[in-house]
Amino acid sequence: MSLLIESLCCVDGEIKNVHYHNMRMNKSRYDLFGCKDTINIMDYISIREPVNKGIWKIRIRYDITIGPIEFELYTKKSIQSLKVVYDDTIDYSFKYANRSHIAKLFEERGTADDILIIKNGFVTDSSSANVVFYNRSQWITPSTPLLPGTKRAKLIDEGKIIEKNIEVNDISSFSNISLINAFLDIGDIIIPVTSIIW
């Protein structure tokens, strides 16, 4: 089985943020395997019916080479609360196909819909998304994510969010949290800080 995975958002036949997915895949292949060639995701994906209508998740498994490509109709999850969980040993600096460590932390959510992972006192990510915090004037994303996401990179480049260290004790100074990933933009899911479970 391939070591790494990339999940792309396809809306009505158009794959979003291809440039950022290509950058992450090629960086991962270079960092982990020393691959100096560059690949273009679009050379491996063919959009056919029914993927050309609606929102689909395209999952690519890869290591040195591109492995299986899967298509799955996307369903947005309802996330209205987060449980703070602590783990100083977790490492998800690459988008590994093996998410067992994150899955174990997710089991600690109790009555919450998702988790907010704290590592060494700093805010990182939820179980499947980067997070951005609103301070009543701008959106701020932690500079300590477990995995720097493609949507996160795009929003930083566009100047829509900024990076800062966010310690666990800083959370209460914000009003809201939004989750962002390949399928979620700022505001698609907004969670009041008061809905965080400690």
Foldseek 3Di string as FASTA:
>chain_A
DFWAKDKWKAALRRTPLQVLSQVQVVVQQCVPPVDPDGDRVVVPDDDDPPSNHAIWIWMWGHHNHTDDIDIGHDDDDAFAAAEEDEDQPDAPQGRTPDLPVLVVRQVVGVPGPWYFYAHPQWTADISAFFKWFAQPPATEGEPHHSYCASLNVVCVVVVRYYYDTHGPVNLVNTFWMATDHNVDDPPPHIYGSVRYHD
